[in-house]
Amino acid sequence: MTIEVLLTGSFGVGKSSIFNRFIHDEFSNKYYGTMGVRVNEKKMEDQRIHLKLWDIAGEIHQRKVPKIYFANKTAILYIIDLTRPFTFKNIKEDIDYLKENASQATIKIIGNKKDLLSELELFDLQKNELPVTLEWIVSAKTGENVIFLFDQLVEEILEKVKNN
């Protein structure tokens, strides 16, 4: 079974870093903006699941992303940078747009760069500043929760398929 997952969100939030951490178990502090789209696969669940990740160029508004990128995706991970509040300014508008253009997809909001915040800062951010609840909080740099994120996503999708 192939599960297609699109990573989207504003520029510089760490989509490519999450992609690289999950696919290659690598992290680089160098920032190279993604041009267009990168696609790669990883086998999971005892090799029976092919997780195909789409890493698209970051945009402030999802309306600038070609709609074809959203077509036939099993899941969309909307990534925000926990240390840069402007990256979650348009969350609600972007999520509504994604729901409209990828109604079949499971959409999750992911906070990245957990390693740059204390537990108190993270708690305060979630309580007072974020307009939505995050599904998962990860650090592409340290790898914290990245594998867990994809394992849980696959498990949820498999359960959804089983029940339909």
Protein backbone atom coordinates (compact mmCIF):
# COMPACT_ATOMS: atom_id res chain seq x y z
CA MET A 1 0.00 0.00 0.00
CA THR A 2 1.25 3.49 -0.84
CA ILE A 3 0.45 6.40 1.46
CA GLU A 4 1.16 9.82 -0.03
CA VAL A 5 1.94 12.59 2.45
CA LEU A 6 2.40 16.24 1.50
CA LEU A 7 4.48 18.54 3.73
CA THR A 8 3.34 22.14 3.45
CA GLY A 9 3.44 25.43 5.36
CA SER A 10 5.29 28.74 5.20
CA PHE A 11 8.89 28.99 4.01
CA GLY A 12 11.58 28.20 6.56
CA VAL A 13 9.42 26.16 8.96
CA GLY A 14 11.49 23.00 8.53
CA LYS A 15 9.51 20.95 6.01
CA SER A 16 12.69 19.83 4.23
CA SER A 17 14.39 19.19 7.56
CA ILE A 18 11.55 16.92 8.68
CA PHE A 19 11.65 15.24 5.25
CA ASN A 20 15.42 14.68 5.51
CA ARG A 21 15.26 13.52 9.13
CA PHE A 22 12.58 10.95 8.33
CA ILE A 23 13.85 9.71 4.95
CA HIS A 24 17.63 9.89 5.51
CA ASP A 25 17.98 10.41 9.30
CA GLU A 26 19.97 13.56 8.56
CA PHE A 27 19.84 17.20 9.61
CA SER A 28 21.69 20.25 8.31
CA ASN A 29 21.75 23.74 9.82
CA LYS A 30 22.16 25.18 6.32
CA TYR A 31 19.00 26.62 4.84
CA TYR A 32 18.26 25.89 1.22
CA GLY A 33 14.77 26.84 0.13
CA THR A 34 12.99 24.09 -1.77
CA MET A 35 12.46 24.87 -5.43
CA GLY A 36 9.24 23.28 -6.65
CA VAL A 37 8.81 19.84 -5.11
CA ARG A 38 10.93 16.91 -3.86
CA VAL A 39 9.49 13.42 -3.60
CA ASN A 40 10.95 10.38 -1.89
CA GLU A 41 9.70 7.09 -0.44
CA LYS A 42 10.36 5.07 2.66
CA LYS A 43 9.11 1.57 3.42
CA MET A 44 7.37 1.08 6.76
CA GLU A 45 5.32 -1.44 8.73
CA ASP A 46 7.54 -4.42 7.98
CA GLN A 47 7.98 -3.23 4.37
CA ARG A 48 4.30 -3.43 3.45
CA ILE A 49 3.68 0.33 3.50
CA HIS A 50 5.36 2.70 1.06
CA LEU A 51 5.26 6.17 2.54
CA LYS A 52 5.72 8.67 -0.29
CA LEU A 53 6.63 12.14 1.02
CA TRP A 54 6.13 15.28 -1.03
CA ASP A 55 8.17 18.28 0.18
CA ILE A 56 6.89 21.39 -1.57
CA ALA A 57 8.27 24.91 -1.68
CA GLY A 58 7.05 26.99 1.25
CA GLU A 59 4.42 29.61 0.75
CA ILE A 60 2.85 32.08 3.12
CA HIS A 61 -0.56 31.35 1.60
CA GLN A 62 -1.52 27.92 0.32
CA ARG A 63 -3.34 29.54 -2.63
CA LYS A 64 0.06 30.09 -4.27
CA VAL A 65 0.74 26.33 -4.31
CA PRO A 66 -0.43 24.54 -7.48
CA LYS A 67 -3.66 22.68 -6.66
CA ILE A 68 -2.35 19.56 -8.40
CA TYR A 69 0.05 19.05 -5.46
CA PHE A 70 -2.93 18.47 -3.17
CA ALA A 71 -4.64 15.94 -5.45
CA ASN A 72 -4.82 12.32 -4.32
CA LYS A 73 -2.78 12.82 -1.15
CA THR A 74 -3.60 10.53 1.75
CA ALA A 75 -2.40 13.07 4.32
CA ILE A 76 -1.20 16.65 4.50
CA LEU A 77 1.12 17.81 7.26
CA TYR A 78 0.88 21.56 7.73
CA ILE A 79 4.13 22.55 9.43
CA ILE A 80 4.65 25.65 11.58
CA ASP A 81 7.82 27.00 13.18
CA LEU A 82 7.17 27.25 16.91
CA THR A 83 9.75 30.03 17.22
CA ARG A 84 8.30 32.30 14.50
CA PRO A 85 4.71 33.40 15.21
CA PHE A 86 4.14 34.70 11.69
CA THR A 87 4.19 31.07 10.50
CA PHE A 88 0.95 30.38 12.33
CA LYS A 89 -0.79 33.62 11.46
CA ASN A 90 -2.63 32.08 8.48
CA ILE A 91 -3.25 28.59 9.88
CA LYS A 92 -7.04 28.69 9.94
CA GLU A 93 -7.31 30.19 6.44
CA ASP A 94 -4.75 27.73 5.05
CA ILE A 95 -6.38 24.71 6.70
CA ASP A 96 -9.79 25.74 5.31
CA TYR A 97 -8.20 26.00 1.85
CA LEU A 98 -6.57 22.57 2.22
CA LYS A 99 -9.86 21.01 3.35
CA GLU A 100 -11.57 22.51 0.32
CA ASN A 101 -8.91 21.33 -2.17
CA ALA A 102 -7.91 18.02 -0.58
CA SER A 103 -11.10 16.89 1.11
CA GLN A 104 -10.01 13.23 0.99
CA ALA A 105 -6.77 13.90 2.91
CA THR A 106 -6.13 13.59 6.62
CA ILE A 107 -4.80 17.04 7.59
CA LYS A 108 -2.55 17.47 10.63
CA ILE A 109 -0.90 20.57 12.08
CA ILE A 110 2.67 19.98 13.24
CA GLY A 111 4.85 22.27 15.34
CA ASN A 112 8.57 22.06 14.52
CA LYS A 113 11.73 23.30 16.28
CA LYS A 114 10.73 22.05 19.72
CA ASP A 115 14.42 21.98 20.65
CA LEU A 116 14.50 25.80 20.64
CA LEU A 117 11.82 26.22 23.33
CA SER A 118 11.69 25.37 27.02
CA GLU A 119 8.75 23.34 28.29
CA LEU A 120 7.33 26.51 29.89
CA GLU A 121 7.64 28.48 26.63
CA LEU A 122 5.99 25.64 24.75
CA PHE A 123 3.13 25.44 27.24
CA ASP A 124 2.61 29.23 27.12
CA LEU A 125 2.70 29.23 23.32
CA GLN A 126 0.06 26.49 23.07
CA LYS A 127 -2.15 28.11 25.69
CA ASN A 128 -1.95 31.76 24.62
CA GLU A 129 -0.67 32.20 21.07
CA LEU A 130 -1.62 29.30 18.83
CA PRO A 131 -5.02 29.63 17.15
CA VAL A 132 -5.32 25.82 16.81
CA THR A 133 -4.31 22.67 18.65
CA LEU A 134 -1.17 20.98 17.33
CA GLU A 135 -1.34 17.29 16.47
CA TRP A 136 2.37 16.70 17.14
CA ILE A 137 5.36 18.74 18.23
CA VAL A 138 8.69 17.68 16.76
CA SER A 139 12.30 18.68 16.37
CA ALA A 140 13.79 17.88 12.97
CA LYS A 141 17.17 18.90 14.39
CA THR A 142 17.25 16.37 17.25
CA GLY A 143 14.83 13.93 15.62
CA GLU A 144 12.51 14.08 18.63
CA ASN A 145 9.06 12.71 17.74
CA VAL A 146 9.72 12.65 13.96
CA ILE A 147 9.57 8.85 13.61
CA PHE A 148 6.71 8.76 16.12
CA LEU A 149 4.80 11.32 14.03
CA PHE A 150 4.97 9.18 10.88
CA ASP A 151 4.33 5.93 12.76
CA GLN A 152 1.19 7.40 14.34
CA LEU A 153 0.06 8.91 11.04
CA VAL A 154 0.39 5.56 9.25
CA GLU A 155 -1.42 3.79 12.09
CA GLU A 156 -4.29 6.29 11.93
CA ILE A 157 -4.57 5.99 8.14
CA LEU A 158 -4.52 2.19 8.26
CA GLU A 159 -7.28 2.25 10.88
CA LYS A 160 -9.29 4.65 8.72
CA VAL A 161 -8.90 2.34 5.67
CA LYS A 162 -9.85 -0.70 7.75
CA ASN A 163 -13.04 0.97 8.96
CA ASN A 164 -14.20 2.11 5.52
